[in-house]
N, C-alpha and C. Protein backbone atom coordinates (compact mmCIF):
# COMPACT_ATOMS: atom_id res chain seq x y z
N MET A 1 -196.70 -46.13 -95.51
CA MET A 1 -195.41 -46.35 -95.16
C MET A 1 -194.77 -47.55 -94.42
N SER A 2 -194.24 -48.16 -95.15
CA SER A 2 -194.11 -49.17 -94.84
C SER A 2 -192.75 -48.91 -93.31
N LEU A 3 -192.41 -50.34 -92.96
CA LEU A 3 -191.47 -49.95 -91.98
C LEU A 3 -189.60 -49.59 -92.12
N PHE A 4 -189.78 -49.71 -93.41
CA PHE A 4 -188.10 -49.50 -93.53
C PHE A 4 -188.11 -48.30 -94.51
N GLU A 5 -189.73 -47.67 -94.39
CA GLU A 5 -189.46 -46.49 -95.31
C GLU A 5 -189.43 -45.27 -94.28
N THR A 6 -188.49 -44.39 -94.48
CA THR A 6 -188.25 -43.20 -93.85
C THR A 6 -189.78 -42.11 -94.30
N PRO A 7 -189.98 -41.42 -93.42
CA PRO A 7 -191.02 -40.45 -93.49
C PRO A 7 -190.35 -39.41 -94.55
N LYS A 8 -191.38 -39.13 -95.70
CA LYS A 8 -190.86 -37.60 -96.84
C LYS A 8 -191.05 -36.73 -95.86
N THR A 9 -190.35 -35.90 -96.37
CA THR A 9 -189.81 -34.21 -96.31
C THR A 9 -190.84 -33.74 -96.92
N PRO A 10 -191.29 -32.53 -96.41
CA PRO A 10 -192.49 -31.73 -97.25
C PRO A 10 -191.24 -31.06 -98.77
N GLU A 11 -190.24 -30.67 -98.45
CA GLU A 11 -189.25 -29.90 -99.31
C GLU A 11 -188.71 -30.62 -100.50
N THR A 12 -188.61 -32.30 -99.74
CA THR A 12 -188.19 -33.26 -101.14
C THR A 12 -189.42 -33.75 -101.85
N ASN A 13 -190.18 -34.25 -100.77
CA ASN A 13 -191.29 -35.42 -101.42
C ASN A 13 -191.01 -36.58 -101.94
N ILE A 14 -189.40 -37.10 -101.00
CA ILE A 14 -189.18 -38.45 -101.72
C ILE A 14 -188.84 -39.22 -100.90
N TYR A 15 -189.46 -40.48 -101.32
CA TYR A 15 -189.37 -41.52 -100.13
C TYR A 15 -187.98 -42.71 -100.25
N ARG A 16 -187.74 -42.82 -99.63
CA ARG A 16 -186.47 -43.87 -99.21
C ARG A 16 -186.94 -44.88 -98.70
N ASN A 17 -186.43 -45.94 -99.07
CA ASN A 17 -186.15 -47.64 -97.97
C ASN A 17 -185.34 -48.38 -98.82
N GLN A 18 -184.94 -48.93 -98.48
CA GLN A 18 -183.62 -50.09 -98.42
C GLN A 18 -182.87 -50.24 -99.89
N SER A 19 -184.03 -50.17 -100.32
CA SER A 19 -183.73 -51.09 -102.20
C SER A 19 -183.87 -49.39 -103.43
N THR A 20 -184.94 -48.53 -102.77
CA THR A 20 -185.21 -47.79 -103.60
C THR A 20 -185.34 -46.20 -103.26
N THR A 21 -185.12 -45.77 -104.32
CA THR A 21 -186.16 -44.08 -103.90
C THR A 21 -186.68 -43.56 -105.07
N ARG A 22 -188.16 -43.51 -104.76
CA ARG A 22 -188.90 -42.92 -106.02
C ARG A 22 -189.59 -41.27 -105.17
N ILE A 23 -189.87 -40.87 -106.27
CA ILE A 23 -190.06 -38.96 -106.16
C ILE A 23 -191.48 -39.62 -106.44
N GLN A 24 -192.09 -39.01 -105.34
CA GLN A 24 -193.48 -38.78 -105.25
C GLN A 24 -193.94 -37.58 -105.93
N PRO A 25 -194.50 -37.53 -107.22
CA PRO A 25 -195.09 -35.98 -107.95
C PRO A 25 -196.41 -35.47 -106.60
N THR A 26 -196.08 -34.17 -106.88
CA THR A 26 -196.89 -33.51 -106.48
C THR A 26 -197.63 -32.45 -107.27
N LYS A 27 -198.73 -32.14 -106.74
CA LYS A 27 -199.92 -31.43 -107.78
C LYS A 27 -199.42 -29.74 -107.64
N ASN A 28 -199.46 -29.23 -108.36
CA ASN A 28 -199.57 -27.58 -108.19
C ASN A 28 -200.77 -27.33 -107.93
N ASN A 29 -201.13 -25.83 -107.72
CA ASN A 29 -202.12 -25.43 -107.68
C ASN A 29 -203.32 -25.34 -109.05
N MET A 30 -202.69 -24.93 -110.16
CA MET A 30 -203.57 -25.24 -111.50
C MET A 30 -204.02 -26.49 -111.73
N GLU A 31 -202.92 -27.56 -111.52
CA GLU A 31 -203.19 -29.08 -111.72
C GLU A 31 -204.44 -29.38 -110.59
N GLN A 32 -204.37 -29.02 -109.21
CA GLN A 32 -205.54 -29.63 -108.17
C GLN A 32 -206.60 -28.57 -108.92
N GLN A 33 -206.78 -27.45 -109.51
CA GLN A 33 -207.84 -26.92 -110.29
C GLN A 33 -208.24 -27.73 -111.00
N THR A 34 -207.72 -28.11 -111.81
CA THR A 34 -207.72 -28.48 -113.45
C THR A 34 -209.10 -30.16 -112.73
N GLU A 35 -207.56 -30.58 -111.93
CA GLU A 35 -208.75 -31.95 -111.65
C GLU A 35 -209.67 -32.34 -110.70
N GLN A 36 -209.78 -31.08 -109.89
CA GLN A 36 -211.41 -30.78 -109.08
C GLN A 36 -212.02 -30.31 -110.40
N ILE A 37 -212.30 -29.64 -111.17
CA ILE A 37 -213.02 -29.07 -112.08
C ILE A 37 -213.92 -30.14 -112.83
N VAL A 38 -212.91 -30.85 -113.68
CA VAL A 38 -213.02 -32.01 -114.63
C VAL A 38 -213.53 -33.18 -113.70
N ARG A 39 -213.31 -33.57 -112.65
CA ARG A 39 -213.87 -34.30 -111.82
C ARG A 39 -215.93 -33.65 -111.37
N ASN A 40 -215.58 -32.73 -111.02
CA ASN A 40 -216.61 -31.57 -110.73
C ASN A 40 -217.59 -32.31 -112.08
N PHE A 41 -217.19 -31.59 -113.43
CA PHE A 41 -218.39 -31.51 -114.47
C PHE A 41 -218.33 -33.31 -114.62
N LEU A 42 -217.36 -33.93 -114.94
CA LEU A 42 -218.07 -35.31 -114.96
C LEU A 42 -219.07 -36.07 -114.04
N THR A 43 -218.89 -35.65 -112.87
CA THR A 43 -219.79 -36.30 -111.46
C THR A 43 -221.42 -35.70 -111.66
N ALA A 44 -221.43 -34.21 -112.66
CA ALA A 44 -222.68 -33.64 -112.91
C ALA A 44 -222.93 -34.18 -114.10
N VAL A 45 -222.39 -34.43 -114.91
CA VAL A 45 -222.75 -34.92 -116.32
C VAL A 45 -223.74 -36.86 -115.66
N GLN A 46 -222.53 -37.11 -114.67
CA GLN A 46 -223.19 -38.76 -114.25
C GLN A 46 -224.44 -38.40 -113.50
N THR A 47 -224.59 -37.56 -112.61
CA THR A 47 -225.65 -37.55 -111.82
C THR A 47 -226.57 -36.62 -112.59
N GLY A 48 -226.28 -36.24 -113.66
CA GLY A 48 -227.57 -35.62 -114.31
C GLY A 48 -227.62 -34.35 -114.05
N ASP A 49 -226.78 -33.28 -113.14
CA ASP A 49 -226.93 -32.24 -112.98
C ASP A 49 -226.22 -31.51 -113.84
N HIS A 50 -227.54 -31.08 -114.37
CA HIS A 50 -227.02 -30.37 -116.21
C HIS A 50 -226.61 -28.76 -116.03
N PRO A 51 -227.09 -28.05 -114.81
CA PRO A 51 -226.56 -26.77 -114.72
C PRO A 51 -225.32 -26.71 -114.57
N THR A 52 -224.90 -27.65 -113.23
CA THR A 52 -223.26 -27.58 -112.75
C THR A 52 -222.71 -28.03 -114.22
N ALA A 53 -222.69 -29.00 -115.18
CA ALA A 53 -222.24 -29.13 -116.17
C ALA A 53 -222.04 -28.27 -116.68
N ILE A 54 -223.12 -27.55 -117.20
CA ILE A 54 -222.89 -26.45 -118.24
C ILE A 54 -222.27 -25.25 -118.00
N ALA A 55 -222.64 -25.28 -116.77
CA ALA A 55 -221.96 -24.10 -115.94
C ALA A 55 -220.56 -23.96 -116.14
N LEU A 56 -219.61 -25.53 -116.00
CA LEU A 56 -218.27 -25.78 -115.95
C LEU A 56 -217.67 -25.62 -117.78
N VAL A 57 -218.75 -25.30 -118.43
CA VAL A 57 -218.00 -25.38 -119.59
C VAL A 57 -218.18 -23.98 -120.08
N HIS A 58 -216.83 -23.45 -120.59
CA HIS A 58 -216.54 -22.45 -121.40
C HIS A 58 -217.85 -21.98 -122.03
N PRO A 59 -218.36 -20.29 -122.16
CA PRO A 59 -219.00 -20.43 -123.39
C PRO A 59 -218.58 -20.39 -124.72
N ASN A 60 -217.22 -20.02 -124.73
CA ASN A 60 -216.75 -20.69 -126.32
C ASN A 60 -215.66 -21.53 -126.37
N VAL A 61 -216.69 -23.04 -125.64
CA VAL A 61 -215.46 -23.95 -125.79
C VAL A 61 -215.18 -24.71 -127.11
N VAL A 62 -214.27 -25.37 -127.45
CA VAL A 62 -213.99 -26.29 -128.69
C VAL A 62 -213.93 -27.62 -128.09
N TRP A 63 -215.03 -28.70 -128.67
CA TRP A 63 -215.02 -29.75 -128.64
C TRP A 63 -215.29 -30.59 -129.38
N ASN A 64 -214.33 -31.40 -129.53
CA ASN A 64 -213.94 -32.21 -130.72
C ASN A 64 -214.57 -33.65 -130.49
N GLN A 65 -215.50 -33.96 -131.34
CA GLN A 65 -216.24 -35.26 -131.23
C GLN A 65 -215.72 -36.59 -132.32
N PRO A 66 -215.36 -37.14 -131.68
CA PRO A 66 -214.69 -38.07 -133.48
C PRO A 66 -215.65 -38.75 -133.70
N GLY A 67 -214.85 -39.31 -134.76
CA GLY A 67 -215.78 -40.46 -135.85
C GLY A 67 -216.42 -39.79 -136.85
N ASN A 68 -217.27 -40.56 -137.74
CA ASN A 68 -218.10 -39.89 -138.93
C ASN A 68 -219.57 -40.09 -138.58
N ASN A 69 -220.36 -39.67 -137.58
CA ASN A 69 -221.28 -39.56 -137.46
C ASN A 69 -222.40 -38.16 -137.87
N ARG A 70 -223.64 -38.62 -137.04
CA ARG A 70 -223.97 -36.86 -137.29
C ARG A 70 -223.65 -35.95 -135.82
N PHE A 71 -223.09 -36.75 -135.02
CA PHE A 71 -222.64 -35.48 -133.96
C PHE A 71 -221.08 -35.29 -134.18
N SER A 72 -220.19 -36.45 -135.03
CA SER A 72 -218.61 -35.93 -135.03
C SER A 72 -218.58 -34.72 -135.17
N GLY A 73 -217.08 -34.05 -135.27
CA GLY A 73 -217.03 -33.13 -135.63
C GLY A 73 -216.14 -31.97 -134.59
N ARG A 74 -215.86 -30.96 -134.78
CA ARG A 74 -215.69 -29.55 -134.12
C ARG A 74 -216.80 -28.57 -133.49
N LYS A 75 -217.10 -28.70 -132.29
CA LYS A 75 -218.46 -27.46 -131.95
C LYS A 75 -217.52 -26.55 -131.61
N ILE A 76 -217.56 -25.25 -131.25
CA ILE A 76 -217.25 -24.09 -131.25
C ILE A 76 -217.98 -23.50 -130.24
N SER A 77 -218.95 -23.90 -129.85
CA SER A 77 -219.46 -22.97 -128.67
C SER A 77 -220.09 -24.07 -127.41
N ARG A 78 -220.36 -23.43 -126.43
CA ARG A 78 -220.95 -24.47 -125.55
C ARG A 78 -222.64 -24.65 -125.66
N ASN A 79 -223.26 -23.62 -126.84
CA ASN A 79 -224.73 -23.88 -127.37
C ASN A 79 -224.53 -25.48 -127.92
N GLU A 80 -223.40 -25.07 -128.93
CA GLU A 80 -223.18 -25.95 -129.99
C GLU A 80 -223.46 -27.94 -128.93
N VAL A 81 -222.47 -27.36 -127.86
CA VAL A 81 -222.44 -28.86 -127.54
C VAL A 81 -223.74 -29.36 -126.71
N VAL A 82 -224.08 -28.25 -125.73
CA VAL A 82 -225.70 -28.62 -125.31
C VAL A 82 -226.59 -29.61 -126.56
N GLN A 83 -226.32 -28.63 -127.73
CA GLN A 83 -227.54 -29.05 -128.77
C GLN A 83 -226.93 -30.67 -129.22
N MET A 84 -225.58 -30.66 -129.03
CA MET A 84 -224.83 -32.23 -129.71
C MET A 84 -225.39 -33.19 -128.41
N ILE A 85 -225.66 -32.64 -127.29
CA ILE A 85 -225.76 -33.57 -125.99
C ILE A 85 -227.45 -33.93 -125.90
N GLY A 86 -228.25 -33.46 -126.64
CA GLY A 86 -229.50 -32.61 -126.53
C GLY A 86 -229.83 -33.89 -127.60
N GLY A 87 -229.20 -33.62 -128.85
CA GLY A 87 -229.47 -34.83 -129.93
C GLY A 87 -229.09 -35.91 -129.68
N MET A 88 -227.87 -36.55 -128.93
CA MET A 88 -227.64 -37.62 -128.71
C MET A 88 -228.37 -38.76 -127.86
N THR A 89 -228.73 -37.26 -126.66
CA THR A 89 -229.87 -38.31 -125.48
C THR A 89 -231.44 -38.45 -126.54
N ALA A 90 -231.67 -38.10 -127.22
CA ALA A 90 -232.93 -38.31 -128.30
C ALA A 90 -232.61 -39.28 -129.08
N VAL A 91 -231.47 -39.61 -129.92
CA VAL A 91 -230.88 -40.67 -130.52
C VAL A 91 -230.94 -41.82 -129.60
N SER A 92 -231.11 -41.68 -128.49
CA SER A 92 -230.49 -43.22 -127.72
C SER A 92 -231.99 -43.54 -126.51
N ALA A 93 -233.06 -42.81 -127.06
CA ALA A 93 -234.40 -42.70 -126.16
C ALA A 93 -233.95 -42.55 -124.75
N LYS A 94 -233.36 -41.23 -124.44
CA LYS A 94 -233.18 -40.62 -123.27
C LYS A 94 -232.51 -41.69 -122.15
N SER A 95 -231.59 -43.00 -122.83
CA SER A 95 -230.37 -44.02 -122.19
C SER A 95 -229.35 -43.58 -121.83
N LEU A 96 -229.02 -42.40 -122.61
CA LEU A 96 -227.40 -42.37 -122.48
C LEU A 96 -226.89 -41.96 -121.49
N ARG A 97 -225.76 -42.75 -120.71
CA ARG A 97 -225.31 -42.59 -119.60
C ARG A 97 -224.04 -42.51 -119.00
N LEU A 98 -223.12 -41.60 -118.64
CA LEU A 98 -222.12 -41.61 -118.24
C LEU A 98 -221.94 -42.99 -117.03
N SER A 99 -221.51 -44.51 -117.25
CA SER A 99 -221.62 -45.43 -116.27
C SER A 99 -220.30 -44.79 -115.26
N GLN A 100 -219.30 -44.74 -115.58
CA GLN A 100 -217.78 -44.79 -114.78
C GLN A 100 -217.05 -43.74 -115.60
N PHE A 101 -216.25 -43.17 -114.57
CA PHE A 101 -215.09 -42.17 -115.07
C PHE A 101 -214.07 -42.65 -113.92
N ASP A 102 -212.67 -42.49 -114.36
CA ASP A 102 -211.28 -42.87 -113.79
C ASP A 102 -210.20 -42.76 -114.31
N ARG A 103 -209.18 -43.20 -113.58
CA ARG A 103 -207.63 -43.04 -113.97
C ARG A 103 -207.38 -41.51 -114.89
N MET A 104 -207.88 -40.43 -113.65
CA MET A 104 -207.51 -39.59 -114.45
C MET A 104 -205.82 -38.78 -114.70
N SER A 105 -205.13 -38.10 -115.33
CA SER A 105 -203.91 -37.90 -115.11
C SER A 105 -203.96 -36.33 -115.73
N VAL A 106 -203.27 -34.96 -115.16
CA VAL A 106 -203.04 -34.14 -114.82
C VAL A 106 -201.93 -33.62 -115.12
N ASN A 107 -201.62 -32.65 -116.44
CA ASN A 107 -200.49 -32.21 -116.62
C ASN A 107 -200.66 -30.78 -116.84
N GLY A 108 -201.01 -29.96 -115.73
CA GLY A 108 -200.99 -28.54 -116.00
C GLY A 108 -202.61 -28.19 -116.04
N GLU A 109 -202.59 -27.55 -117.52
CA GLU A 109 -204.29 -27.21 -117.61
C GLU A 109 -205.35 -28.21 -118.30
N PRO A 110 -203.82 -29.60 -118.98
CA PRO A 110 -205.02 -30.46 -119.96
C PRO A 110 -205.05 -31.62 -118.09
N ALA A 111 -206.40 -32.76 -118.84
CA ALA A 111 -207.07 -33.18 -117.56
C ALA A 111 -207.01 -34.74 -118.62
N ALA A 112 -206.46 -35.53 -119.07
CA ALA A 112 -206.93 -36.95 -119.90
C ALA A 112 -207.62 -38.04 -118.59
N CYS A 113 -208.90 -38.31 -118.87
CA CYS A 113 -209.30 -39.89 -118.40
C CYS A 113 -210.43 -40.73 -118.96
N VAL A 114 -210.46 -41.62 -118.36
CA VAL A 114 -211.13 -42.72 -118.85
C VAL A 114 -212.31 -42.51 -118.47
N VAL A 115 -213.36 -42.53 -119.36
CA VAL A 115 -214.89 -42.51 -119.52
C VAL A 115 -215.53 -44.02 -119.88
N HIS A 116 -216.45 -44.47 -119.37
CA HIS A 116 -217.38 -45.25 -120.15
C HIS A 116 -218.84 -45.04 -120.24
N TRP A 117 -219.25 -45.08 -121.43
CA TRP A 117 -220.80 -44.79 -121.85
C TRP A 117 -221.39 -45.83 -122.34
N GLN A 118 -222.77 -45.66 -122.31
CA GLN A 118 -223.62 -46.80 -122.23
C GLN A 118 -224.82 -45.76 -122.76
N ALA A 119 -225.73 -46.78 -123.69
CA ALA A 119 -227.13 -46.10 -124.37
C ALA A 119 -227.57 -47.52 -124.78
N VAL A 120 -228.89 -47.36 -124.67
CA VAL A 120 -229.79 -48.43 -125.81
C VAL A 120 -231.13 -47.44 -126.04
N GLN A 121 -230.87 -47.90 -128.03
CA GLN A 121 -232.04 -47.52 -128.71
C GLN A 121 -233.43 -48.35 -128.50
N GLU A 122 -234.34 -47.34 -128.83
CA GLU A 122 -235.45 -48.36 -129.13
C GLU A 122 -235.71 -49.76 -129.97
N ALA A 123 -234.79 -49.08 -130.98
CA ALA A 123 -234.97 -50.31 -132.24
C ALA A 123 -233.68 -51.31 -131.19
N GLY A 124 -233.28 -51.26 -130.44
CA GLY A 124 -232.03 -52.31 -129.95
C GLY A 124 -231.01 -52.03 -130.44
N GLY A 125 -230.74 -51.13 -130.60
CA GLY A 125 -228.99 -50.79 -130.71
C GLY A 125 -228.34 -50.07 -129.36
N ARG A 126 -226.83 -51.01 -129.16
CA ARG A 126 -226.43 -50.68 -128.08
C ARG A 126 -225.36 -49.80 -127.87
N LEU A 127 -224.97 -48.87 -127.19
CA LEU A 127 -223.72 -48.61 -127.26
C LEU A 127 -222.85 -48.68 -125.53
N ASP A 128 -221.58 -49.36 -125.74
CA ASP A 128 -221.35 -49.85 -124.75
C ASP A 128 -219.80 -49.37 -124.90
N VAL A 129 -219.19 -48.23 -124.52
CA VAL A 129 -217.96 -47.98 -124.87
C VAL A 129 -217.28 -47.08 -124.24
N ASP A 130 -215.37 -47.67 -124.02
CA ASP A 130 -214.76 -46.53 -123.56
C ASP A 130 -214.38 -45.58 -124.30
N ASN A 131 -213.83 -43.99 -123.84
CA ASN A 131 -213.17 -43.25 -124.15
C ASN A 131 -212.40 -42.45 -123.31
N ILE A 132 -211.51 -42.08 -123.99
CA ILE A 132 -210.31 -41.09 -123.29
C ILE A 132 -210.62 -39.49 -123.82
N ASP A 133 -211.02 -38.92 -122.89
CA ASP A 133 -211.44 -37.69 -123.11
C ASP A 133 -210.20 -36.92 -122.08
N VAL A 134 -209.81 -35.83 -123.07
CA VAL A 134 -209.01 -34.91 -122.33
C VAL A 134 -209.55 -33.28 -122.57
N TYR A 135 -209.91 -32.76 -121.33
CA TYR A 135 -210.24 -31.46 -120.82
C TYR A 135 -208.99 -30.75 -120.71
N THR A 136 -209.24 -29.21 -121.11
CA THR A 136 -208.34 -28.42 -120.87
C THR A 136 -209.15 -27.21 -119.96
N VAL A 137 -208.58 -26.56 -118.63
CA VAL A 137 -209.34 -25.73 -118.17
C VAL A 137 -208.62 -24.60 -118.13
N LYS A 138 -209.32 -23.49 -118.05
CA LYS A 138 -208.85 -22.29 -117.56
C LYS A 138 -209.61 -21.30 -116.79
N ASN A 139 -209.29 -20.97 -115.80
CA ASN A 139 -209.88 -19.42 -114.73
C ASN A 139 -211.09 -20.76 -114.78
N GLY A 140 -211.01 -21.77 -114.23
CA GLY A 140 -212.01 -22.42 -113.79
C GLY A 140 -213.72 -23.28 -114.73
N GLN A 141 -213.10 -23.38 -115.80
CA GLN A 141 -214.01 -23.95 -116.95
C GLN A 141 -212.91 -24.56 -117.65
N ILE A 142 -213.94 -25.72 -118.43
CA ILE A 142 -213.28 -26.49 -119.44
C ILE A 142 -213.63 -25.44 -120.61
N VAL A 143 -212.15 -25.33 -121.53
CA VAL A 143 -212.52 -24.29 -122.61
C VAL A 143 -212.40 -25.60 -123.85
N GLU A 144 -211.99 -26.36 -123.61
CA GLU A 144 -211.44 -27.26 -124.72
C GLU A 144 -211.58 -29.11 -124.56
N ALA A 145 -212.34 -29.86 -125.48
CA ALA A 145 -212.13 -31.32 -125.12
C ALA A 145 -211.98 -31.85 -126.62
N THR A 146 -210.95 -32.93 -126.00
CA THR A 146 -211.20 -33.65 -127.20
C THR A 146 -211.34 -35.00 -126.85
N ILE A 147 -212.39 -35.96 -127.70
CA ILE A 147 -212.86 -36.98 -127.29
C ILE A 147 -211.96 -38.18 -128.14
N TYR A 148 -211.56 -39.12 -127.60
CA TYR A 148 -210.99 -40.56 -128.00
C TYR A 148 -211.60 -41.66 -128.08
N SER A 149 -212.10 -42.29 -128.93
CA SER A 149 -213.15 -43.19 -128.46
C SER A 149 -212.30 -44.53 -129.08
N ALA A 150 -212.63 -45.49 -127.98
CA ALA A 150 -211.99 -46.68 -127.81
C ALA A 150 -212.71 -47.76 -128.93
N ASP A 151 -213.82 -47.53 -129.51
CA ASP A 151 -214.46 -48.25 -130.84
C ASP A 151 -215.34 -47.06 -131.28
N ILE A 152 -214.50 -46.68 -131.82
CA ILE A 152 -215.22 -45.71 -133.71
C ILE A 152 -216.24 -46.02 -133.99
N ARG A 153 -215.99 -47.33 -134.52
CA ARG A 153 -217.44 -48.02 -135.62
C ARG A 153 -218.32 -48.38 -134.67
N GLN A 154 -218.50 -48.64 -133.52
CA GLN A 154 -218.99 -49.02 -132.75
C GLN A 154 -220.32 -47.68 -132.50
N GLU A 155 -219.62 -47.10 -131.86
CA GLU A 155 -220.21 -45.30 -132.09
C GLU A 155 -220.86 -44.49 -133.49
N ASP A 156 -220.28 -44.96 -134.69
CA ASP A 156 -220.75 -44.26 -135.68
C ASP A 156 -221.99 -45.05 -136.17
N ASP A 157 -222.24 -46.88 -135.66
CA ASP A 157 -223.05 -47.21 -136.14
C ASP A 157 -224.16 -46.85 -135.12
N PHE A 158 -223.98 -46.38 -133.86
CA PHE A 158 -224.71 -46.49 -132.68
C PHE A 158 -225.80 -44.95 -133.32
N TRP A 159 -224.71 -43.97 -133.42
CA TRP A 159 -224.85 -42.80 -133.45
C TRP A 159 -225.57 -41.94 -135.34
N GLY A 160 -225.45 -43.10 -136.15
CA GLY A 160 -225.64 -43.18 -137.47
C GLY A 160 -225.26 -41.64 -138.16
N LYS A 161 -225.80 -41.34 -139.30
CA LYS A 161 -225.58 -40.23 -140.06
C LYS A 161 -226.55 -39.32 -139.91
């Protein structure tokens, strides 16, 4: 808080200074839970904590994977998502990794975040791509995921048919 700002009050959550008034959004309990579940999931994926990552995905999850490659399309269960990730791990010679995630925005049950994936194939193919992932959380688990790739051609070339 700067010298010219007055403290916010818990009721209003509004800061005032000499020239501006800005409203600081507050997260409700649902949004806090959504953010925490998504962060826990992505941290588990990033650190290789597969049991935690899998437990945070609902058994009947709907997962929308972009592109026109062997892993593209809609998956309609946690088992199908696990099989897809297993296939991606094999095709990438076990090098697939979530190197970064940040800039999360939560709006109720859905949360969108920027993630960065990297992988290298034995034959030399490289994946180095940002995605925007949108996860929907209900009752403490991810029930839907829609993935948007910043470079779908790179993904299609890397994953192949």
